[in-house]
C-alpha atoms as a PDB file:
ATOM      1  CA  MET A   1      39.620 -10.221  -6.420  1.00  0.00           C
ATOM      2  CA  LEU A   2      36.617  -9.239  -7.129  1.00  0.00           C
ATOM      3  CA  THR A   3      37.208  -9.142 -11.039  1.00  0.00           C
ATOM      4  CA  ASP A   4      38.087 -12.942 -11.336  1.00  0.00           C
ATOM      5  CA  PHE A   5      35.077 -13.271  -8.845  1.00  0.00           C
ATOM      6  CA  PHE A   6      32.560 -11.390 -11.475  1.00  0.00           C
ATOM      7  CA  ALA A   7      34.142 -12.943 -14.198  1.00  0.00           C
ATOM      8  CA  GLY A   8      32.608 -16.422 -13.194  1.00  0.00           C
ATOM      9  CA  LEU A   9      29.431 -15.468 -12.511  1.00  0.00           C
ATOM     10  CA  ARG A  10      28.963 -13.528 -15.392  1.00  0.00           C
ATOM     11  CA  ALA A  11      29.540 -16.676 -17.300  1.00  0.00           C
ATOM     12  CA  TYR A  12      28.002 -18.937 -16.514  1.00  0.00           C
ATOM     13  CA  ARG A  13      25.210 -20.494 -18.611  1.00  0.00           C
ATOM     14  CA  ALA A  14      22.424 -23.673 -18.147  1.00  0.00           C
ATOM     15  CA  ALA A  15      18.611 -23.819 -19.060  1.00  0.00           C
ATOM     16  CA  GLY A  16      16.083 -22.989 -17.061  1.00  0.00           C
ATOM     17  CA  VAL A  17      18.554 -20.465 -15.443  1.00  0.00           C
ATOM     18  CA  PHE A  18      18.665 -16.690 -15.510  1.00  0.00           C
ATOM     19  CA  ASN A  19      21.979 -15.174 -15.125  1.00  0.00           C
ATOM     20  CA  PRO A  20      21.075 -11.507 -14.145  1.00  0.00           C
ATOM     21  CA  TRP A  21      24.784 -10.016 -14.729  1.00  0.00           C
ATOM     22  CA  GLY A  22      25.057 -11.869 -18.068  1.00  0.00           C
ATOM     23  CA  GLN A  23      21.854 -12.123 -19.435  1.00  0.00           C
ATOM     24  CA  ARG A  24      19.200  -9.541 -20.905  1.00  0.00           C
ATOM     25  CA  ASP A  25      15.875 -10.773 -20.666  1.00  0.00           C
ATOM     26  CA  GLN A  26      14.788  -9.932 -23.837  1.00  0.00           C
ATOM     27  CA  TYR A  27      10.775  -9.951 -22.417  1.00  0.00           C
ATOM     28  CA  HIS A  28      11.003  -7.549 -19.333  1.00  0.00           C
ATOM     29  CA  ASP A  29      14.401  -6.046 -19.128  1.00  0.00           C
ATOM     30  CA  ALA A  30      13.642  -2.044 -19.959  1.00  0.00           C
ATOM     31  CA  ASP A  31      16.522  -2.013 -22.491  1.00  0.00           C
ATOM     32  CA  ASP A  32      19.543  -4.096 -23.123  1.00  0.00           C
ATOM     33  CA  GLN A  33      21.898  -2.061 -20.927  1.00  0.00           C
ATOM     34  CA  GLY A  34      20.600  -4.820 -17.859  1.00  0.00           C
ATOM     35  CA  ALA A  35      22.954  -6.954 -17.272  1.00  0.00           C
ATOM     36  CA  LEU A  36      25.477  -3.867 -17.064  1.00  0.00           C
ATOM     37  CA  ILE A  37      23.503  -2.275 -14.646  1.00  0.00           C
ATOM     38  CA  ARG A  38      22.579  -5.358 -12.222  1.00  0.00           C
ATOM     39  CA  CYS A  39      26.327  -5.858 -12.371  1.00  0.00           C
ATOM     40  CA  GLU A  40      27.422  -2.411 -11.223  1.00  0.00           C
ATOM     41  CA  GLN A  41      25.099  -2.751  -8.868  1.00  0.00           C
ATOM     42  CA  LEU A  42      26.537  -6.032  -7.444  1.00  0.00           C
ATOM     43  CA  THR A  43      29.849  -4.517  -7.382  1.00  0.00           C
ATOM     44  CA  CYS A  44      29.106  -1.729  -5.432  1.00  0.00           C
ATOM     45  CA  TYR A  45      27.188  -3.140  -2.889  1.00  0.00           C
ATOM     46  CA  LEU A  46      29.885  -5.583  -2.400  1.00  0.00           C
ATOM     47  CA  GLN A  47      32.890  -3.437  -2.914  1.00  0.00           C
ATOM     48  CA  GLU A  48      31.573  -1.717   0.247  1.00  0.00           C
ATOM     49  CA  ARG A  49      30.613  -4.737   2.160  1.00  0.00           C
ATOM     50  CA  ILE A  50      33.871  -7.460   1.795  1.00  0.00           C
ATOM     51  CA  GLY A  51      36.347  -6.175   4.355  1.00  0.00           C
ATOM     52  CA  ARG A  52      33.939  -5.001   6.979  1.00  0.00           C
ATOM     53  CA  ALA A  53      31.130  -7.415   7.186  1.00  0.00           C
ATOM     54  CA  ASP A  54      31.306  -9.992   9.718  1.00  0.00           C
ATOM     55  CA  THR A  55      28.190 -11.918   8.594  1.00  0.00           C
ATOM     56  CA  LEU A  56      27.187 -14.565   5.443  1.00  0.00           C
ATOM     57  CA  LEU A  57      23.322 -14.188   5.047  1.00  0.00           C
ATOM     58  CA  CYS A  58      22.437 -17.203   2.907  1.00  0.00           C
ATOM     59  CA  ALA A  59      19.337 -17.970   0.959  1.00  0.00           C
ATOM     60  CA  GLU A  60      18.932 -20.869  -1.459  1.00  0.00           C
ATOM     61  CA  ALA A  61      18.980 -18.569  -4.520  1.00  0.00           C
ATOM     62  CA  ILE A  62      17.745 -15.620  -6.817  1.00  0.00           C
ATOM     63  CA  GLY A  63      14.153 -14.979  -7.545  1.00  0.00           C
ATOM     64  CA  TYR A  64      11.720 -13.410 -10.429  1.00  0.00           C
ATOM     65  CA  GLN A  65      11.385 -10.325  -7.439  1.00  0.00           C
ATOM     66  CA  GLY A  66      14.408  -9.732  -6.506  1.00  0.00           C
ATOM     67  CA  GLY A  67      17.709  -9.991  -7.654  1.00  0.00           C
ATOM     68  CA  HIS A  68      16.637 -10.836 -10.722  1.00  0.00           C
ATOM     69  CA  PHE A  69      15.951  -7.856 -11.470  1.00  0.00           C
ATOM     70  CA  SER A  70      17.961  -5.578  -8.797  1.00  0.00           C
ATOM     71  CA  GLY A  71      20.756  -7.812  -9.121  1.00  0.00           C
ATOM     72  CA  ILE A  72      21.349  -8.824  -5.435  1.00  0.00           C
ATOM     73  CA  PRO A  73      20.266 -11.344  -3.916  1.00  0.00           C
ATOM     74  CA  MET A  74      16.967 -10.385  -1.277  1.00  0.00           C
ATOM     75  CA  THR A  75      16.557  -7.056  -2.466  1.00  0.00           C
ATOM     76  CA  SER A  76      14.031  -5.856  -4.669  1.00  0.00           C
ATOM     77  CA  GLU A  77      14.180  -3.521  -7.137  1.00  0.00           C
ATOM     78  CA  ARG A  78      11.490  -1.233  -5.536  1.00  0.00           C
ATOM     79  CA  LEU A  79      13.776  -0.500  -1.991  1.00  0.00           C
ATOM     80  CA  LEU A  80      16.855   0.322  -4.418  1.00  0.00           C
ATOM     81  CA  LEU A  81      14.081   2.800  -6.554  1.00  0.00           C
ATOM     82  CA  GLY A  82      13.074   4.483  -3.068  1.00  0.00           C
ATOM     83  CA  GLY A  83       9.415   2.453  -2.876  1.00  0.00           C
ATOM     84  CA  LEU A  84       9.718   1.068   0.719  1.00  0.00           C
ATOM     85  CA  VAL A  85      10.724   3.803   2.427  1.00  0.00           C
ATOM     86  CA  HIS A  86       7.093   4.261   3.910  1.00  0.00           C
ATOM     87  CA  LYS A  87       8.564   1.226   5.540  1.00  0.00           C
ATOM     88  CA  GLY A  88      12.115   3.273   7.055  1.00  0.00           C
ATOM     89  CA  LEU A  89      13.595   0.954   4.111  1.00  0.00           C
ATOM     90  CA  LYS A  90      15.976   3.284   2.113  1.00  0.00           C
ATOM     91  CA  PRO A  91      18.469   2.941  -1.038  1.00  0.00           C
ATOM     92  CA  GLU A  92      21.006   4.000   0.569  1.00  0.00           C
ATOM     93  CA  MET A  93      21.265   0.536   2.782  1.00  0.00           C
ATOM     94  CA  VAL A  94      21.704  -1.005  -0.202  1.00  0.00           C
ATOM     95  CA  PHE A  95      24.761   1.161  -1.050  1.00  0.00           C
ATOM     96  CA  LYS A  96      25.846   4.487  -1.072  1.00  0.00           C
ATOM     97  CA  GLY A  97      28.901   4.821  -4.156  1.00  0.00           C
ATOM     98  CA  LEU A  98      26.127   4.478  -7.434  1.00  0.00           C
ATOM     99  CA  LEU A  99      23.087   5.638  -7.833  1.00  0.00           C
ATOM    100  CA  PRO A 100      19.951   3.016  -7.823  1.00  0.00           C
ATOM    101  CA  ARG A 101      18.502   1.910 -10.987  1.00  0.00           C
ATOM    102  CA  ARG A 102      15.938  -0.283 -12.257  1.00  0.00           C
ATOM    103  CA  THR A 103      16.317  -2.847 -15.455  1.00  0.00           C
ATOM    104  CA  SER A 104      12.621  -4.269 -15.784  1.00  0.00           C
ATOM    105  CA  SER A 105      10.667  -2.173 -18.097  1.00  0.00           C
ATOM    106  CA  PRO A 106       7.841   0.492 -16.120  1.00  0.00           C
ATOM    107  CA  ALA A 107       5.356  -1.118 -18.816  1.00  0.00           C
ATOM    108  CA  VAL A 108       6.070  -4.866 -16.357  1.00  0.00           C
ATOM    109  CA  ARG A 109       5.768  -3.260 -12.991  1.00  0.00           C
ATOM    110  CA  PRO A 110       5.221   0.521 -12.819  1.00  0.00           C
ATOM    111  CA  HIS A 111       7.100   0.893  -9.509  1.00  0.00           C
ATOM    112  CA  GLY A 112       9.480  -1.932  -9.812  1.00  0.00           C
ATOM    113  CA  PHE A 113       9.248  -5.247  -8.214  1.00  0.00           C
ATOM    114  CA  THR A 114       9.150  -5.538  -4.779  1.00  0.00           C
ATOM    115  CA  GLU A 115       9.559  -9.100  -3.341  1.00  0.00           C
ATOM    116  CA  PRO A 116       8.479 -10.538   0.461  1.00  0.00           C
ATOM    117  CA  THR A 117      11.189 -12.373   1.673  1.00  0.00           C
ATOM    118  CA  ALA A 118      13.428  -9.089   0.627  1.00  0.00           C
ATOM    119  CA  THR A 119      11.309  -6.779   2.517  1.00  0.00           C
ATOM    120  CA  ILE A 120      11.664  -8.670   5.815  1.00  0.00           C
ATOM    121  CA  VAL A 121      15.103  -9.166   5.840  1.00  0.00           C
ATOM    122  CA  TRP A 122      16.005  -5.285   5.240  1.00  0.00           C
ATOM    123  CA  GLY A 123      13.084  -4.227   7.545  1.00  0.00           C
ATOM    124  CA  PHE A 124      14.812  -6.643  10.295  1.00  0.00           C
ATOM    125  CA  PHE A 125      17.828  -4.727   9.946  1.00  0.00           C
ATOM    126  CA  VAL A 126      16.126  -1.310  10.581  1.00  0.00           C
ATOM    127  CA  GLN A 127      13.573  -3.132  13.182  1.00  0.00           C
ATOM    128  CA  GLN A 128      16.369  -4.036  15.116  1.00  0.00           C
ATOM    129  CA  GLY A 129      19.091  -1.175  14.687  1.00  0.00           C
ATOM    130  CA  ILE A 130      21.584  -3.528  13.107  1.00  0.00           C
ATOM    131  CA  ASP A 131      23.754  -1.923  10.672  1.00  0.00           C
ATOM    132  CA  PRO A 132      23.407  -3.773   7.261  1.00  0.00           C
ATOM    133  CA  TYR A 133      27.101  -3.325   6.390  1.00  0.00           C
ATOM    134  CA  ARG A 134      27.883  -5.865   8.589  1.00  0.00           C
ATOM    135  CA  VAL A 135      25.971  -8.871   6.996  1.00  0.00           C
ATOM    136  CA  VAL A 136      26.201  -9.789   2.892  1.00  0.00           C
ATOM    137  CA  LEU A 137      23.298 -11.606   1.300  1.00  0.00           C
ATOM    138  CA  TRP A 138      24.200 -14.486  -1.077  1.00  0.00           C
ATOM    139  CA  ASN A 139      22.219 -17.270  -2.168  1.00  0.00           C
ATOM    140  CA  ALA A 140      23.317 -21.167  -2.185  1.00  0.00           C
ATOM    141  CA  PHE A 141      22.425 -20.736  -6.384  1.00  0.00           C
ATOM    142  CA  PRO A 142      23.039 -17.340  -7.239  1.00  0.00           C
ATOM    143  CA  TRP A 143      21.578 -17.064 -10.612  1.00  0.00           C
ATOM    144  CA  HIS A 144      17.554 -17.092 -11.046  1.00  0.00           C
ATOM    145  CA  PRO A 145      16.091 -20.769 -11.480  1.00  0.00           C
ATOM    146  CA  TYR A 146      13.017 -20.565 -13.572  1.00  0.00           C
ATOM    147  CA  ARG A 147      10.302 -22.972 -14.785  1.00  0.00           C
ATOM    148  CA  SER A 148      10.631 -23.101 -18.671  1.00  0.00           C
ATOM    149  CA  ASP A 149       7.287 -23.592 -19.016  1.00  0.00           C
ATOM    150  CA  ARG A 150       6.063 -21.057 -17.254  1.00  0.00           C
ATOM    151  CA  GLY A 151       9.079 -18.365 -18.400  1.00  0.00           C
ATOM    152  CA  LEU A 152      10.938 -15.845 -16.570  1.00  0.00           C
ATOM    153  CA  LEU A 153       8.871 -14.740 -14.346  1.00  0.00           C
ATOM    154  CA  SER A 154       8.721 -17.699 -12.228  1.00  0.00           C
ATOM    155  CA  ASN A 155      11.080 -19.854  -9.858  1.00  0.00           C
ATOM    156  CA  ARG A 156      11.638 -23.008  -9.242  1.00  0.00           C
ATOM    157  CA  THR A 157      14.501 -25.126  -6.880  1.00  0.00           C
ATOM    158  CA  PRO A 158      18.056 -25.903  -7.973  1.00  0.00           C
ATOM    159  CA  ASP A 159      18.771 -28.733  -8.779  1.00  0.00           C
ATOM    160  CA  PRO A 160      22.063 -30.950  -7.959  1.00  0.00           C
ATOM    161  CA  PRO A 161      23.945 -29.984 -10.919  1.00  0.00           C
ATOM    162  CA  GLU A 162      23.054 -26.691 -11.158  1.00  0.00           C
ATOM    163  CA  LEU A 163      24.073 -26.160  -7.260  1.00  0.00           C
ATOM    164  CA  LYS A 164      27.709 -27.555  -7.778  1.00  0.00           C
ATOM    165  CA  GLU A 165      28.304 -24.599  -9.966  1.00  0.00           C
ATOM    166  CA  GLY A 166      27.132 -22.246  -7.604  1.00  0.00           C
ATOM    167  CA  HIS A 167      28.680 -24.290  -4.481  1.00  0.00           C
ATOM    168  CA  ARG A 168      32.129 -22.765  -6.209  1.00  0.00           C
ATOM    169  CA  VAL A 169      31.022 -18.814  -6.534  1.00  0.00           C
ATOM    170  CA  LEU A 170      29.889 -19.746  -2.689  1.00  0.00           C
ATOM    171  CA  LEU A 171      33.428 -20.896  -2.107  1.00  0.00           C
ATOM    172  CA  GLN A 172      35.038 -18.127  -3.871  1.00  0.00           C
ATOM    173  CA  LEU A 173      32.883 -15.262  -1.632  1.00  0.00           C
ATOM    174  CA  LEU A 174      33.895 -16.671   1.496  1.00  0.00           C
ATOM    175  CA  GLU A 175      37.143 -16.393   0.677  1.00  0.00           C
ATOM    176  CA  LEU A 176      36.628 -12.871  -0.211  1.00  0.00           C
ATOM    177  CA  GLY A 177      34.878 -11.758   2.544  1.00  0.00           C
ATOM    178  CA  GLN A 178      36.866 -13.959   5.409  1.00  0.00           C
ATOM    179  CA  PHE A 179      33.499 -13.225   7.000  1.00  0.00           C
ATOM    180  CA  ARG A 180      33.407 -14.229  10.862  1.00  0.00           C
ATOM    181  CA  ARG A 181      29.912 -16.130  11.101  1.00  0.00           C
ATOM    182  CA  VAL A 182      27.716 -17.680   7.995  1.00  0.00           C
ATOM    183  CA  ILE A 183      24.287 -17.652   8.717  1.00  0.00           C
ATOM    184  CA  ALA A 184      21.963 -20.114   6.114  1.00  0.00           C
ATOM    185  CA  VAL A 185      17.994 -18.794   5.365  1.00  0.00           C
ATOM    186  CA  GLY A 186      15.874 -21.905   5.260  1.00  0.00           C
ATOM    187  CA  GLU A 187      16.559 -26.016   5.493  1.00  0.00           C
ATOM    188  CA  LYS A 188      18.005 -26.160   1.886  1.00  0.00           C
ATOM    189  CA  SER A 189      20.040 -23.355   2.409  1.00  0.00           C
ATOM    190  CA  ALA A 190      21.356 -24.889   5.768  1.00  0.00           C
ATOM    191  CA  LEU A 191      21.826 -28.635   3.081  1.00  0.00           C
ATOM    192  CA  GLN A 192      24.083 -27.365   1.207  1.00  0.00           C
ATOM    193  CA  LEU A 193      25.943 -25.244   3.448  1.00  0.00           C
ATOM    194  CA  SER A 194      26.582 -28.806   5.113  1.00  0.00           C
ATOM    195  CA  GLN A 195      27.845 -30.182   2.472  1.00  0.00           C
ATOM    196  CA  LEU A 196      30.614 -28.059   1.825  1.00  0.00           C
ATOM    197  CA  ASP A 197      31.871 -28.534   5.319  1.00  0.00           C
ATOM    198  CA  ILE A 198      30.850 -25.214   6.043  1.00  0.00           C
ATOM    199  CA  THR A 199      29.546 -24.269   9.671  1.00  0.00           C
ATOM    200  CA  ALA A 200      26.830 -22.441   9.863  1.00  0.00           C
ATOM    201  CA  ILE A 201      23.882 -20.464  12.258  1.00  0.00           C
ATOM    202  CA  LYS A 202      20.484 -22.502  10.807  1.00  0.00           C
ATOM    203  CA  VAL A 203      17.450 -19.903  10.815  1.00  0.00           C
ATOM    204  CA  ARG A 204      13.739 -19.831   9.445  1.00  0.00           C
ATOM    205  CA  HIS A 205      13.078 -19.111   6.023  1.00  0.00           C
ATOM    206  CA  PRO A 206      10.861 -15.706   6.351  1.00  0.00           C
ATOM    207  CA  ALA A 207       8.459 -17.483   3.320  1.00  0.00           C
ATOM    208  CA  ASN A 208       5.316 -19.419   4.438  1.00  0.00           C
ATOM    209  CA  GLY A 209       4.564 -18.201   7.684  1.00  0.00           C
ATOM    210  CA  GLY A 210       7.933 -18.452   9.296  1.00  0.00           C
ATOM    211  CA  ALA A 211       9.091 -14.047   9.329  1.00  0.00           C
ATOM    212  CA  GLY A 212       8.564 -13.734  12.863  1.00  0.00           C
ATOM    213  CA  ARG A 213      10.510 -17.102  13.748  1.00  0.00           C
ATOM    214  CA  PHE A 214      12.829 -15.988  11.275  1.00  0.00           C
ATOM    215  CA  ARG A 215      13.331 -12.423  13.075  1.00  0.00           C
ATOM    216  CA  GLU A 216      13.415 -14.188  16.432  1.00  0.00           C
ATOM    217  CA  GLN A 217      16.319 -16.598  15.906  1.00  0.00           C
ATOM    218  CA  LEU A 218      18.436 -14.093  13.245  1.00  0.00           C
ATOM    219  CA  HIS A 219      17.986 -11.592  16.429  1.00  0.00           C
ATOM    220  CA  ARG A 220      19.956 -14.461  18.580  1.00  0.00           C
ATOM    221  CA  ALA A 221      22.689 -15.463  15.979  1.00  0.00           C
ATOM    222  CA  LEU A 222      23.442 -11.624  15.391  1.00  0.00           C
ATOM    223  CA  GLY A 223      24.324 -11.968  18.685  1.00  0.00           C
END
């Protein structure tokens, strides 16, 4: 079933949107293997969770400091490379069946990209003693929308037609995962889920000073 899921995920193309699993970032990828590596890493991540995870944690869209290079939503390249072990974040929290690899050029970020939201989310699992394999991280718009005037190392809010494409993929994942609960990270994600008539628990987005509230609400939501 994941084969069909990935076929649709990799095929999407749109102006102002980068597809981490189907496209090469010609300015920042280390070589032409980036999309393949990201696809392998997301595949391993999902294979180790589908049928086991009881929760889908859904934010709005992929960011350039996270899934753009790691291939996994709300997960930074630096975490995969072992660069956050001093914070208790180990690569094996993400997946165990594959050796993590970077896809960005070391010339762009010597130690790989890191994303504040990703660090907060994974740090929460460690702090609360929550098995990270019971949670699948995802986005209502699963690709990376960027500002054309600023280039690929930027983020923007996806527009309504783009979000509809993301909804198709989200519904496929929900079918595959059969999750007991869905948690929306932030107002924008909650709105997208409500438009699909998906019952979700809303938690504060950790950005812009919301980390404390995010941790408190997510702790309650996961029970």
